[in-house]
Structures are given as structure tokens and as C-alpha cells.
Amino acid sequence: MEFEKMIELIKTVSDSNLTQFQIEEDGFKLSMKTDKQSKVVVQKQESVPKEIQSVAIADAEPAEQKEIKKAEGNVVKSPLVGTFYSASSPDSAPFVKVGDTVKKGQVLGIVEAMKLMNEIESEFDGVVKEIQIENEQVVEYGQPLFVIG
């Protein structure tokens, strides 16, 4: 991809309401994510031209790449793509934490998608064994969020 076209693409995505964008072409991968802190991430792969390597925005951070552990227990998965929130507001306590006892239908967190807040409810009675997502992290459809035992 030509340097000028890549800059134009970054500007276009930055001006849009997209929360995440990724393109792979000719040996390089470009990932962009916008959120409250407006971060843009450029990941270097194999033979990327030197001028493209210098495109990283000043506040860019490496993309998080975590392995999802094989969970033992009942797994609550994300029903949609969006941004996960562990509490109803930044000043509020999280809905649940590891060790909490939960009932079926209890709110565990929120996934924001297209400016709509979607409550994630427990599908099981039990104890929260694991929380596999961090606050304000982008989640994919079907991604494990909680393990209830």
C-alpha cells in the first residue's frame, strides 16, 4: 500500500465512528481502533517499507494479544461485538468480581454497540470463577467474558 493512501485511510477511519478497523495487504498489517483516547495502532510485520514503519501515532500502543484460557465451568459469552464495561458508570463499582455469587439473570456487565448499552446477564447460578475481559476492551461476538462455576 502506498504511503499517501495509507495516511488517507488513517484520516478517513479516524473521522468515522468505527471502533476497530484492520487491513492486511502485501506483507503488512494495519490495525486501527478508536475509543475515548483515540488510539491508532500500526503493527509491524515482515518486510514493511521504512517510511510506513514511521507512521505510528505518538500515543499508539501495541495491540493486545491475549490467549483465551480454556475455562472450566459455565462460560458467559458476548452476544455481540462492542465495547465491554464492567460497571454502569466510571465512578460505580463493578457489577461483579471474582468470587461473587450470581443468580441466573443477574447483570454481569455491559457491551456498548452502536451507542446502545446492552446488559450482559448471567445464564447460570453459581460463583464467578474468572473474568476474561478488561473494562473498556473491545469484544467480539462469542468471545468468553465470564466463567461461572
N, C-alpha and C. Protein backbone atom coordinates (compact mmCIF):
# COMPACT_ATOMS: atom_id res chain seq x y z
N MET A 1 0.85 -1.17 0.00
CA MET A 1 0.00 0.00 0.00
C MET A 1 0.90 1.23 0.00
N GLU A 2 0.57 2.19 -0.81
CA GLU A 2 1.35 3.41 -0.89
C GLU A 2 1.18 4.25 0.37
N PHE A 3 2.24 4.95 0.74
CA PHE A 3 2.26 5.74 1.96
C PHE A 3 1.13 6.77 1.99
N GLU A 4 0.91 7.50 0.89
CA GLU A 4 -0.14 8.52 0.84
C GLU A 4 -1.53 7.90 1.01
N LYS A 5 -1.75 6.75 0.39
CA LYS A 5 -3.05 6.08 0.52
C LYS A 5 -3.27 5.61 1.95
N MET A 6 -2.19 5.17 2.61
CA MET A 6 -2.32 4.72 4.00
C MET A 6 -2.68 5.91 4.90
N ILE A 7 -2.04 7.05 4.71
CA ILE A 7 -2.35 8.25 5.50
C ILE A 7 -3.80 8.66 5.27
N GLU A 8 -4.25 8.62 4.03
CA GLU A 8 -5.65 8.95 3.71
C GLU A 8 -6.61 7.99 4.40
N LEU A 9 -6.25 6.70 4.40
CA LEU A 9 -7.07 5.69 5.07
C LEU A 9 -7.14 5.95 6.57
N ILE A 10 -6.01 6.28 7.19
CA ILE A 10 -5.99 6.57 8.63
C ILE A 10 -6.88 7.77 8.94
N LYS A 11 -6.79 8.82 8.15
CA LYS A 11 -7.62 10.01 8.37
C LYS A 11 -9.11 9.68 8.21
N THR A 12 -9.44 8.89 7.19
CA THR A 12 -10.84 8.53 6.95
C THR A 12 -11.41 7.73 8.11
N VAL A 13 -10.65 6.73 8.58
CA VAL A 13 -11.12 5.91 9.70
C VAL A 13 -11.20 6.75 10.97
N SER A 14 -10.22 7.64 11.17
CA SER A 14 -10.22 8.50 12.37
C SER A 14 -11.44 9.41 12.41
N ASP A 15 -11.89 9.87 11.24
CA ASP A 15 -13.05 10.76 11.18
C ASP A 15 -14.38 10.02 11.28
N SER A 16 -14.34 8.70 11.19
CA SER A 16 -15.59 7.93 11.23
C SER A 16 -15.90 7.50 12.66
N ASN A 17 -17.02 6.81 12.84
CA ASN A 17 -17.42 6.29 14.15
C ASN A 17 -17.00 4.84 14.35
N LEU A 18 -16.14 4.32 13.48
CA LEU A 18 -15.68 2.95 13.63
C LEU A 18 -14.93 2.79 14.94
N THR A 19 -15.09 1.65 15.58
CA THR A 19 -14.33 1.39 16.80
C THR A 19 -13.13 0.52 16.52
N GLN A 20 -13.12 -0.19 15.41
CA GLN A 20 -11.98 -1.02 15.08
C GLN A 20 -11.94 -1.26 13.58
N PHE A 21 -10.72 -1.27 12.99
CA PHE A 21 -10.54 -1.48 11.57
C PHE A 21 -9.22 -2.21 11.36
N GLN A 22 -9.20 -3.16 10.44
CA GLN A 22 -7.98 -3.91 10.18
C GLN A 22 -7.89 -4.22 8.69
N ILE A 23 -6.70 -4.07 8.12
CA ILE A 23 -6.47 -4.41 6.71
C ILE A 23 -5.10 -5.06 6.62
N GLU A 24 -5.00 -6.06 5.75
CA GLU A 24 -3.75 -6.75 5.52
C GLU A 24 -3.50 -6.74 4.02
N GLU A 25 -2.29 -6.27 3.62
CA GLU A 25 -2.01 -6.18 2.19
C GLU A 25 -0.51 -6.19 1.96
N ASP A 26 -0.06 -6.99 1.02
CA ASP A 26 1.34 -7.02 0.58
C ASP A 26 2.34 -7.05 1.72
N GLY A 27 2.19 -7.92 2.68
CA GLY A 27 3.18 -8.10 3.73
C GLY A 27 3.10 -7.18 4.92
N PHE A 28 2.09 -6.33 4.99
CA PHE A 28 1.94 -5.55 6.21
C PHE A 28 0.48 -5.56 6.65
N LYS A 29 0.33 -5.31 7.94
CA LYS A 29 -0.99 -5.35 8.56
C LYS A 29 -1.21 -4.01 9.26
N LEU A 30 -2.36 -3.39 9.02
CA LEU A 30 -2.69 -2.11 9.64
C LEU A 30 -3.94 -2.33 10.48
N SER A 31 -3.84 -2.07 11.79
CA SER A 31 -4.97 -2.18 12.69
C SER A 31 -5.21 -0.83 13.33
N MET A 32 -6.46 -0.39 13.33
CA MET A 32 -6.80 0.89 13.95
C MET A 32 -8.00 0.69 14.86
N LYS A 33 -7.95 1.34 16.00
CA LYS A 33 -9.04 1.28 16.97
C LYS A 33 -9.24 2.68 17.50
N THR A 34 -10.47 3.16 17.49
CA THR A 34 -10.75 4.46 18.08
C THR A 34 -11.63 4.25 19.30
N ASP A 35 -11.34 4.98 20.35
CA ASP A 35 -12.16 4.96 21.55
C ASP A 35 -12.01 6.31 22.22
N LYS A 36 -12.30 6.40 23.48
CA LYS A 36 -12.26 7.68 24.18
C LYS A 36 -10.88 8.34 24.12
N GLN A 37 -9.83 7.53 23.99
CA GLN A 37 -8.49 8.09 23.94
C GLN A 37 -7.96 8.16 22.51
N SER A 38 -8.76 7.82 21.52
CA SER A 38 -8.41 7.89 20.10
C SER A 38 -7.03 7.33 19.80
N LYS A 39 -6.89 6.03 19.93
CA LYS A 39 -5.62 5.37 19.66
C LYS A 39 -5.63 4.80 18.25
N VAL A 40 -4.49 4.89 17.61
CA VAL A 40 -4.29 4.26 16.32
C VAL A 40 -3.08 3.36 16.47
N VAL A 41 -3.19 2.12 16.02
CA VAL A 41 -2.10 1.16 16.18
C VAL A 41 -1.67 0.69 14.80
N VAL A 42 -0.37 0.75 14.56
CA VAL A 42 0.19 0.17 13.34
C VAL A 42 1.12 -0.94 13.78
N GLN A 43 0.83 -2.17 13.35
CA GLN A 43 1.65 -3.30 13.72
C GLN A 43 2.64 -3.59 12.61
N LYS A 44 3.89 -3.71 12.97
CA LYS A 44 4.94 -4.01 12.01
C LYS A 44 4.96 -5.51 11.77
N GLN A 45 5.00 -5.90 10.51
CA GLN A 45 5.19 -7.29 10.14
C GLN A 45 6.36 -7.38 9.19
N GLU A 46 6.75 -8.54 8.85
CA GLU A 46 7.87 -8.85 7.98
C GLU A 46 8.45 -7.65 7.24
N SER A 47 8.43 -7.62 5.95
CA SER A 47 9.13 -6.60 5.15
C SER A 47 8.26 -5.38 4.89
N VAL A 48 8.14 -4.52 5.88
CA VAL A 48 7.37 -3.29 5.74
C VAL A 48 8.34 -2.17 5.36
N PRO A 49 8.02 -1.38 4.32
CA PRO A 49 8.91 -0.28 3.94
C PRO A 49 9.16 0.68 5.11
N LYS A 50 10.38 1.23 5.15
CA LYS A 50 10.79 2.08 6.28
C LYS A 50 9.87 3.27 6.49
N GLU A 51 9.39 3.92 5.41
CA GLU A 51 8.53 5.10 5.58
C GLU A 51 7.20 4.72 6.21
N ILE A 52 6.73 3.50 6.00
CA ILE A 52 5.47 3.05 6.60
C ILE A 52 5.67 2.77 8.08
N GLN A 53 6.84 2.26 8.46
CA GLN A 53 7.11 1.96 9.86
C GLN A 53 7.04 3.21 10.72
N SER A 54 7.30 4.37 10.16
CA SER A 54 7.33 5.61 10.94
C SER A 54 5.97 6.27 11.07
N VAL A 55 4.91 5.61 10.61
CA VAL A 55 3.58 6.20 10.62
C VAL A 55 2.91 6.14 11.98
N ALA A 56 3.40 5.31 12.89
CA ALA A 56 2.75 5.12 14.18
C ALA A 56 2.48 6.46 14.85
N ILE A 57 1.27 6.65 15.32
CA ILE A 57 0.87 7.87 16.01
C ILE A 57 1.54 7.91 17.38
N ALA A 58 1.79 9.09 17.89
CA ALA A 58 2.55 9.27 19.13
C ALA A 58 2.00 8.49 20.31
N ASP A 59 0.68 8.44 20.47
CA ASP A 59 0.13 7.74 21.64
C ASP A 59 -0.28 6.31 21.33
N ALA A 60 0.22 5.75 20.24
CA ALA A 60 -0.13 4.38 19.86
C ALA A 60 0.47 3.39 20.84
N GLU A 61 -0.27 2.34 21.08
CA GLU A 61 0.19 1.25 21.94
C GLU A 61 0.12 -0.04 21.15
N PRO A 62 0.94 -1.04 21.49
CA PRO A 62 0.84 -2.31 20.78
C PRO A 62 -0.53 -2.93 20.99
N ALA A 63 -1.02 -3.59 19.97
CA ALA A 63 -2.33 -4.24 20.08
C ALA A 63 -2.25 -5.35 21.11
N GLU A 64 -3.29 -5.46 21.93
CA GLU A 64 -3.33 -6.52 22.93
C GLU A 64 -3.60 -7.83 22.24
N GLN A 65 -2.77 -8.82 22.57
CA GLN A 65 -2.96 -10.14 22.00
C GLN A 65 -2.87 -11.13 23.15
N LYS A 66 -4.01 -11.47 23.72
CA LYS A 66 -4.05 -12.38 24.85
C LYS A 66 -4.60 -13.71 24.40
N GLU A 67 -4.07 -14.76 24.98
CA GLU A 67 -4.63 -16.07 24.70
C GLU A 67 -5.81 -16.27 25.64
N ILE A 68 -6.88 -16.81 25.09
CA ILE A 68 -8.04 -17.09 25.92
C ILE A 68 -7.84 -18.48 26.52
N LYS A 69 -7.88 -18.54 27.84
CA LYS A 69 -7.66 -19.79 28.54
C LYS A 69 -8.85 -20.72 28.36
N LYS A 70 -8.59 -22.00 28.41
CA LYS A 70 -9.65 -23.00 28.40
C LYS A 70 -10.29 -22.94 29.78
N ALA A 71 -11.54 -22.53 29.84
CA ALA A 71 -12.22 -22.30 31.11
C ALA A 71 -12.91 -23.57 31.58
N GLU A 72 -12.91 -23.75 32.90
CA GLU A 72 -13.64 -24.86 33.50
C GLU A 72 -14.84 -24.27 34.23
N GLY A 73 -16.02 -24.62 33.76
CA GLY A 73 -17.25 -24.09 34.32
C GLY A 73 -18.15 -23.62 33.20
N ASN A 74 -19.20 -22.92 33.54
CA ASN A 74 -20.14 -22.38 32.56
C ASN A 74 -19.62 -21.04 32.06
N VAL A 75 -19.53 -20.90 30.75
CA VAL A 75 -18.96 -19.69 30.15
C VAL A 75 -20.07 -18.79 29.64
N VAL A 76 -20.01 -17.52 30.04
CA VAL A 76 -20.92 -16.50 29.51
C VAL A 76 -20.16 -15.79 28.40
N LYS A 77 -20.72 -15.83 27.18
CA LYS A 77 -20.04 -15.25 26.02
C LYS A 77 -20.73 -13.97 25.58
N SER A 78 -19.99 -13.14 24.87
CA SER A 78 -20.55 -11.90 24.36
C SER A 78 -21.54 -12.19 23.23
N PRO A 79 -22.75 -11.65 23.33
CA PRO A 79 -23.75 -11.88 22.30
C PRO A 79 -23.58 -10.96 21.08
N LEU A 80 -22.62 -10.01 21.16
CA LEU A 80 -22.43 -9.07 20.07
C LEU A 80 -21.05 -8.45 20.12
N VAL A 81 -20.69 -7.74 19.08
CA VAL A 81 -19.43 -7.01 19.01
C VAL A 81 -19.63 -5.64 19.62
N GLY A 82 -18.69 -5.18 20.42
CA GLY A 82 -18.81 -3.86 21.02
C GLY A 82 -17.72 -3.62 22.05
N THR A 83 -17.95 -2.67 22.92
CA THR A 83 -17.02 -2.33 23.99
C THR A 83 -17.61 -2.78 25.31
N PHE A 84 -16.81 -3.53 26.08
CA PHE A 84 -17.27 -4.07 27.36
C PHE A 84 -17.05 -3.07 28.48
N TYR A 85 -18.05 -2.94 29.35
CA TYR A 85 -17.93 -2.11 30.55
C TYR A 85 -18.31 -2.96 31.76
N SER A 86 -17.46 -2.94 32.79
CA SER A 86 -17.70 -3.75 33.98
C SER A 86 -18.62 -3.08 34.99
N ALA A 87 -18.92 -1.78 34.78
CA ALA A 87 -19.78 -1.03 35.71
C ALA A 87 -20.70 -0.12 34.91
N SER A 88 -21.74 0.37 35.58
CA SER A 88 -22.72 1.22 34.90
C SER A 88 -22.19 2.62 34.61
N SER A 89 -21.16 3.05 35.34
CA SER A 89 -20.51 4.35 35.08
C SER A 89 -19.07 4.25 35.59
N PRO A 90 -18.21 5.15 35.16
CA PRO A 90 -16.81 5.10 35.59
C PRO A 90 -16.64 5.21 37.11
N ASP A 91 -17.58 5.87 37.79
CA ASP A 91 -17.48 6.06 39.24
C ASP A 91 -18.10 4.91 40.04
N SER A 92 -18.83 4.02 39.37
CA SER A 92 -19.53 2.93 40.05
C SER A 92 -18.63 1.71 40.25
N ALA A 93 -19.01 0.91 41.24
CA ALA A 93 -18.31 -0.36 41.46
C ALA A 93 -18.68 -1.34 40.35
N PRO A 94 -17.81 -2.30 40.04
CA PRO A 94 -18.14 -3.28 39.01
C PRO A 94 -19.39 -4.08 39.39
N PHE A 95 -20.12 -4.53 38.37
CA PHE A 95 -21.31 -5.34 38.63
C PHE A 95 -20.94 -6.60 39.42
N VAL A 96 -19.85 -7.26 39.03
CA VAL A 96 -19.40 -8.47 39.74
C VAL A 96 -17.87 -8.50 39.76
N LYS A 97 -17.34 -9.29 40.69
CA LYS A 97 -15.90 -9.56 40.73
C LYS A 97 -15.71 -11.04 41.01
N VAL A 98 -14.51 -11.53 40.80
CA VAL A 98 -14.23 -12.94 41.03
C VAL A 98 -14.57 -13.29 42.47
N GLY A 99 -15.30 -14.39 42.65
CA GLY A 99 -15.71 -14.84 43.98
C GLY A 99 -17.14 -14.48 44.33
N ASP A 100 -17.76 -13.58 43.57
CA ASP A 100 -19.15 -13.19 43.83
C ASP A 100 -20.10 -14.33 43.44
N THR A 101 -21.15 -14.50 44.22
CA THR A 101 -22.22 -15.44 43.88
C THR A 101 -23.23 -14.72 43.01
N VAL A 102 -23.61 -15.35 41.90
CA VAL A 102 -24.56 -14.72 40.98
C VAL A 102 -25.74 -15.66 40.73
N LYS A 103 -26.85 -15.07 40.36
CA LYS A 103 -28.07 -15.81 40.01
C LYS A 103 -28.33 -15.65 38.53
N LYS A 104 -29.03 -16.59 37.96
CA LYS A 104 -29.41 -16.51 36.56
C LYS A 104 -30.20 -15.22 36.34
N GLY A 105 -29.82 -14.44 35.31
CA GLY A 105 -30.49 -13.18 35.02
C GLY A 105 -29.83 -11.96 35.63
N GLN A 106 -28.85 -12.16 36.52
CA GLN A 106 -28.15 -11.04 37.15
C GLN A 106 -27.22 -10.38 36.13
N VAL A 107 -27.15 -9.05 36.15
CA VAL A 107 -26.29 -8.31 35.23
C VAL A 107 -24.82 -8.49 35.63
N LEU A 108 -24.00 -8.90 34.65
CA LEU A 108 -22.57 -9.11 34.88
C LEU A 108 -21.74 -7.96 34.31
N GLY A 109 -22.26 -7.31 33.29
CA GLY A 109 -21.53 -6.23 32.63
C GLY A 109 -22.38 -5.64 31.52
N ILE A 110 -21.79 -4.74 30.75
CA ILE A 110 -22.48 -4.07 29.66
C ILE A 110 -21.60 -4.13 28.42
N VAL A 111 -22.21 -4.37 27.26
CA VAL A 111 -21.50 -4.24 25.99
C VAL A 111 -22.19 -3.13 25.21
N GLU A 112 -21.40 -2.10 24.89
CA GLU A 112 -21.92 -0.98 24.11
C GLU A 112 -21.68 -1.28 22.63
N ALA A 113 -22.76 -1.19 21.86
CA ALA A 113 -22.66 -1.40 20.41
C ALA A 113 -23.52 -0.34 19.74
N MET A 114 -22.92 0.44 18.87
CA MET A 114 -23.63 1.47 18.13
C MET A 114 -24.40 2.42 19.06
N LYS A 115 -23.74 2.84 20.12
CA LYS A 115 -24.28 3.80 21.10
C LYS A 115 -25.42 3.22 21.95
N LEU A 116 -25.66 1.91 21.87
CA LEU A 116 -26.67 1.26 22.70
C LEU A 116 -25.98 0.42 23.76
N MET A 117 -26.46 0.52 25.00
CA MET A 117 -25.90 -0.24 26.11
C MET A 117 -26.70 -1.53 26.27
N ASN A 118 -26.03 -2.66 26.12
CA ASN A 118 -26.66 -3.98 26.21
C ASN A 118 -26.18 -4.68 27.47
N GLU A 119 -27.10 -4.97 28.40
CA GLU A 119 -26.71 -5.65 29.63
C GLU A 119 -26.41 -7.11 29.33
N ILE A 120 -25.32 -7.59 29.90
CA ILE A 120 -24.95 -8.99 29.78
C ILE A 120 -25.38 -9.66 31.08
N GLU A 121 -26.33 -10.58 30.95
CA GLU A 121 -26.88 -11.25 32.13
C GLU A 121 -26.30 -12.65 32.26
N SER A 122 -26.20 -13.11 33.49
CA SER A 122 -25.72 -14.46 33.75
C SER A 122 -26.76 -15.46 33.26
N GLU A 123 -26.27 -16.48 32.60
CA GLU A 123 -27.14 -17.55 32.13
C GLU A 123 -27.18 -18.70 33.15
N PHE A 124 -26.42 -18.54 34.25
CA PHE A 124 -26.25 -19.61 35.21
C PHE A 124 -26.29 -19.08 36.65
N ASP A 125 -26.64 -19.95 37.59
CA ASP A 125 -26.46 -19.69 39.00
C ASP A 125 -25.07 -20.20 39.37
N GLY A 126 -24.37 -19.52 40.26
CA GLY A 126 -23.06 -20.00 40.68
C GLY A 126 -22.17 -18.90 41.18
N VAL A 127 -20.86 -19.18 41.17
CA VAL A 127 -19.86 -18.25 41.65
C VAL A 127 -18.99 -17.82 40.46
N VAL A 128 -18.65 -16.54 40.39
CA VAL A 128 -17.80 -16.02 39.32
C VAL A 128 -16.38 -16.56 39.57
N LYS A 129 -15.93 -17.47 38.68
CA LYS A 129 -14.59 -18.04 38.81
C LYS A 129 -13.55 -17.20 38.09
N GLU A 130 -13.91 -16.69 36.91
CA GLU A 130 -12.97 -15.89 36.12
C GLU A 130 -13.70 -14.77 35.40
N ILE A 131 -13.00 -13.67 35.23
CA ILE A 131 -13.46 -12.59 34.35
C ILE A 131 -12.38 -12.49 33.28
N GLN A 132 -12.73 -12.83 32.04
CA GLN A 132 -11.74 -12.95 30.98
C GLN A 132 -11.67 -11.72 30.09
N ILE A 133 -12.15 -10.61 30.58
CA ILE A 133 -12.18 -9.37 29.80
C ILE A 133 -11.88 -8.20 30.73
N GLU A 134 -11.27 -7.16 30.19
CA GLU A 134 -10.99 -5.97 30.99
C GLU A 134 -11.98 -4.86 30.64
N ASN A 135 -12.17 -3.95 31.57
CA ASN A 135 -13.07 -2.83 31.35
C ASN A 135 -12.63 -2.03 30.13
N GLU A 136 -13.59 -1.62 29.31
CA GLU A 136 -13.40 -0.81 28.11
C GLU A 136 -12.64 -1.53 27.00
N GLN A 137 -12.60 -2.85 27.05
CA GLN A 137 -11.95 -3.62 26.00
C GLN A 137 -12.97 -3.96 24.92
N VAL A 138 -12.54 -3.95 23.65
CA VAL A 138 -13.42 -4.32 22.54
C VAL A 138 -13.59 -5.83 22.56
N VAL A 139 -14.84 -6.30 22.42
CA VAL A 139 -15.12 -7.73 22.43
C VAL A 139 -15.72 -8.15 21.09
N GLU A 140 -15.51 -9.40 20.76
CA GLU A 140 -16.05 -9.99 19.54
C GLU A 140 -17.28 -10.82 19.88
N TYR A 141 -18.07 -11.11 18.87
CA TYR A 141 -19.22 -11.98 19.04
C TYR A 141 -18.73 -13.36 19.49
N GLY A 142 -19.34 -13.90 20.53
CA GLY A 142 -18.99 -15.24 21.02
C GLY A 142 -17.75 -15.30 21.88
N GLN A 143 -17.11 -14.18 22.16
CA GLN A 143 -15.91 -14.16 22.98
C GLN A 143 -16.27 -14.45 24.43
N PRO A 144 -15.56 -15.37 25.09
CA PRO A 144 -15.83 -15.66 26.51
C PRO A 144 -15.57 -14.43 27.37
N LEU A 145 -16.54 -14.13 28.25
CA LEU A 145 -16.42 -12.98 29.14
C LEU A 145 -16.24 -13.41 30.59
N PHE A 146 -17.09 -14.34 31.03
CA PHE A 146 -17.09 -14.78 32.43
C PHE A 146 -17.15 -16.31 32.49
N VAL A 147 -16.58 -16.85 33.57
CA VAL A 147 -16.72 -18.28 33.87
C VAL A 147 -17.46 -18.37 35.19
N ILE A 148 -18.60 -19.05 35.16
CA ILE A 148 -19.43 -19.22 36.36
C ILE A 148 -19.36 -20.69 36.76
N GLY A 149 -19.00 -20.95 38.01
CA GLY A 149 -18.87 -22.33 38.47
C GLY A 149 -19.86 -22.68 39.53
